[in-house]
Amino acid sequence: MIVVSDTTAVSNLLTVGRADLLVSLFRRVLIPPAVWAELLAFHSDLPDWLEVVTVTDSSRVLAFHKQVHPGEAEAIALALEVKPDWLLIDDADGRKLAKSEGAPVVGLMGVLLMAKRDGFLTEVKTLMTSLASEAGFYLSAAVRDEVLRLANES
């Protein structure tokens, strides 16, 4: 499987020391140059399995940048070009734009559920707690409860 990611999910997983989940779940993890630059602003050492791929349609990136941040704009455009299994994006505006363009969207909580399903995590609750406390990842109580229900951990 191939995933294209924006900055937030990779950064959050790097912060809590579980970025390995991405490479375990997906054969390839693609990010555009803007995401690479954003990650380097917060993390000095990035995994070598992250593949930086440049978007060829710069006009699409410019159009998307009017609605979302640079990393999200490039990630959405890249996903539309390479047609991955998933576009990993959590920002509400980014998800809305990506879905409207036909990209297959998953968020970080969806990745945690996949990781549990595939045996890479024994539970999601502990990692959700770490993401909140260490990375500042916010989830509403309703979303948190739904993820735990789906993980059979409620």
Protein backbone atom coordinates (compact mmCIF):
# COMPACT_ATOMS: atom_id res chain seq x y z
CA MET A 1 0.00 0.00 0.00
CA ILE A 2 1.00 3.60 -0.55
CA VAL A 3 0.09 6.58 1.60
CA VAL A 4 0.65 10.27 0.93
CA SER A 5 0.81 12.27 4.14
CA ASP A 6 0.61 15.85 5.21
CA THR A 7 2.70 17.11 8.11
CA THR A 8 0.53 16.68 11.20
CA ALA A 9 0.20 12.91 11.41
CA VAL A 10 3.88 12.23 10.72
CA SER A 11 4.98 14.94 13.16
CA ASN A 12 2.67 13.67 15.91
CA LEU A 13 3.86 10.08 15.48
CA LEU A 14 7.50 11.21 15.46
CA THR A 15 6.87 13.12 18.70
CA VAL A 16 5.55 10.04 20.49
CA GLY A 17 8.11 7.69 18.93
CA ARG A 18 5.65 5.67 16.83
CA ALA A 19 6.27 6.83 13.28
CA ASP A 20 7.19 3.20 12.59
CA LEU A 21 3.46 2.47 12.38
CA LEU A 22 3.32 4.24 9.03
CA VAL A 23 6.03 2.17 7.40
CA SER A 24 4.63 -0.99 9.01
CA LEU A 25 1.16 -0.37 7.58
CA PHE A 26 2.10 1.08 4.20
CA ARG A 27 4.86 -0.09 1.87
CA ARG A 28 5.61 3.48 0.90
CA VAL A 29 5.09 6.78 2.71
CA LEU A 30 5.21 9.71 0.28
CA ILE A 31 5.41 13.35 1.28
CA PRO A 32 5.80 16.50 -0.83
CA PRO A 33 8.69 18.96 -0.30
CA ALA A 34 6.56 21.40 1.74
CA VAL A 35 5.77 18.63 4.24
CA TRP A 36 9.47 17.69 4.45
CA ALA A 37 10.34 21.33 5.21
CA GLU A 38 7.57 21.61 7.81
CA LEU A 39 8.73 18.39 9.50
CA LEU A 40 12.34 19.63 9.62
CA ALA A 41 11.15 22.74 11.46
CA PHE A 42 10.22 20.51 14.43
CA HIS A 43 12.25 17.32 14.02
CA SER A 44 15.96 17.26 13.31
CA ASP A 45 16.11 13.58 12.38
CA LEU A 46 13.58 12.26 9.88
CA PRO A 47 13.19 8.59 8.95
CA ASP A 48 14.88 7.51 5.74
CA TRP A 49 11.75 5.66 4.62
CA LEU A 50 9.94 8.96 4.01
CA GLU A 51 9.96 9.51 0.24
CA VAL A 52 9.90 13.12 -0.91
CA VAL A 53 8.02 13.42 -4.21
CA THR A 54 7.55 16.71 -6.03
CA VAL A 55 4.12 17.58 -7.39
CA THR A 56 4.20 18.18 -11.14
CA ASP A 57 1.04 20.32 -11.38
CA SER A 58 2.09 23.54 -9.64
CA SER A 59 -1.10 25.34 -10.73
CA ARG A 60 -3.15 22.82 -8.76
CA VAL A 61 -0.97 23.43 -5.68
CA LEU A 62 -1.47 27.19 -6.05
CA ALA A 63 -5.23 26.76 -6.32
CA PHE A 64 -5.34 24.50 -3.26
CA HIS A 65 -3.08 26.86 -1.30
CA LYS A 66 -5.88 29.45 -1.44
CA GLN A 67 -7.90 27.10 0.78
CA VAL A 68 -5.35 25.22 2.91
CA HIS A 69 -1.77 25.46 4.22
CA PRO A 70 1.21 24.75 1.91
CA GLY A 71 1.91 21.21 3.14
CA GLU A 72 -1.74 20.23 2.86
CA ALA A 73 -2.03 21.81 -0.60
CA GLU A 74 0.99 19.87 -1.87
CA ALA A 75 -0.08 16.63 -0.17
CA ILE A 76 -3.57 16.78 -1.71
CA ALA A 77 -2.15 17.59 -5.15
CA LEU A 78 0.40 14.77 -4.82
CA ALA A 79 -2.31 12.31 -3.84
CA LEU A 80 -4.32 13.25 -6.91
CA GLU A 81 -1.25 12.66 -9.09
CA VAL A 82 0.08 9.38 -7.66
CA LYS A 83 -3.31 7.87 -6.70
CA PRO A 84 -2.22 6.28 -3.40
CA ASP A 85 -4.33 3.95 -1.32
CA TRP A 86 -4.75 6.75 1.24
CA LEU A 87 -4.12 10.44 1.82
CA LEU A 88 -3.31 10.87 5.51
CA ILE A 89 -4.68 14.24 6.59
CA ASP A 90 -6.43 15.44 9.75
CA ASP A 91 -7.15 19.13 9.15
CA ALA A 92 -10.89 19.61 8.58
CA ASP A 93 -10.49 22.04 5.67
CA GLY A 94 -7.86 19.82 4.08
CA ARG A 95 -10.00 16.71 4.44
CA LYS A 96 -13.00 18.51 2.94
CA LEU A 97 -10.96 19.72 -0.05
CA ALA A 98 -9.31 16.33 -0.57
CA LYS A 99 -12.65 14.51 -0.46
CA SER A 100 -14.19 16.99 -2.89
CA GLU A 101 -11.33 16.23 -5.29
CA GLY A 102 -11.85 12.48 -4.93
CA ALA A 103 -8.81 11.60 -2.79
CA PRO A 104 -9.16 8.59 -0.44
CA VAL A 105 -8.83 10.22 2.98
CA VAL A 106 -7.82 8.71 6.31
CA GLY A 107 -6.91 10.46 9.54
CA LEU A 108 -4.44 9.56 12.26
CA MET A 109 -7.13 7.79 14.30
CA GLY A 110 -7.97 5.69 11.26
CA VAL A 111 -4.29 4.75 11.03
CA LEU A 112 -4.31 3.70 14.70
CA LEU A 113 -7.37 1.54 14.08
CA MET A 114 -5.67 -0.06 11.05
CA ALA A 115 -2.53 -0.66 13.12
CA LYS A 116 -4.53 -2.44 15.80
CA ARG A 117 -6.47 -4.47 13.23
CA ASP A 118 -3.21 -5.56 11.57
CA GLY A 119 -1.48 -6.41 14.86
CA PHE A 120 0.99 -3.50 15.01
CA LEU A 121 -0.73 -2.11 18.14
CA THR A 122 -2.29 -4.06 20.98
CA GLU A 123 -4.42 -1.06 21.97
CA VAL A 124 -5.08 2.44 20.71
CA LYS A 125 -6.04 4.08 24.01
CA THR A 126 -2.48 4.38 25.36
CA LEU A 127 -1.20 5.87 22.10
CA MET A 128 -4.16 8.26 21.92
CA THR A 129 -3.27 9.44 25.43
CA SER A 130 0.39 9.91 24.46
CA LEU A 131 -0.58 11.83 21.33
CA ALA A 132 -2.73 14.17 23.41
CA SER A 133 -0.24 14.73 26.24
CA GLU A 134 3.05 14.74 24.31
CA ALA A 135 2.10 16.00 20.85
CA GLY A 136 -0.91 18.17 21.73
CA PHE A 137 -3.16 16.15 19.41
CA TYR A 138 -6.76 17.21 20.08
CA LEU A 139 -9.76 14.94 19.81
CA SER A 140 -13.28 15.77 20.83
CA ALA A 141 -14.76 13.48 23.46
CA ALA A 142 -17.22 12.15 20.88
CA VAL A 143 -14.47 11.23 18.40
CA ARG A 144 -12.32 9.74 21.16
CA ASP A 145 -15.22 7.60 22.37
CA GLU A 146 -16.03 6.46 18.83
CA VAL A 147 -12.40 5.46 18.14
CA LEU A 148 -12.28 3.50 21.38
CA ARG A 149 -15.60 1.84 20.52
CA LEU A 150 -14.32 0.87 17.07
CA ALA A 151 -11.13 -0.49 18.69
CA ASN A 152 -13.26 -2.50 21.16
CA GLU A 153 -11.65 -0.59 24.03
CA SER A 154 -14.61 1.42 25.35
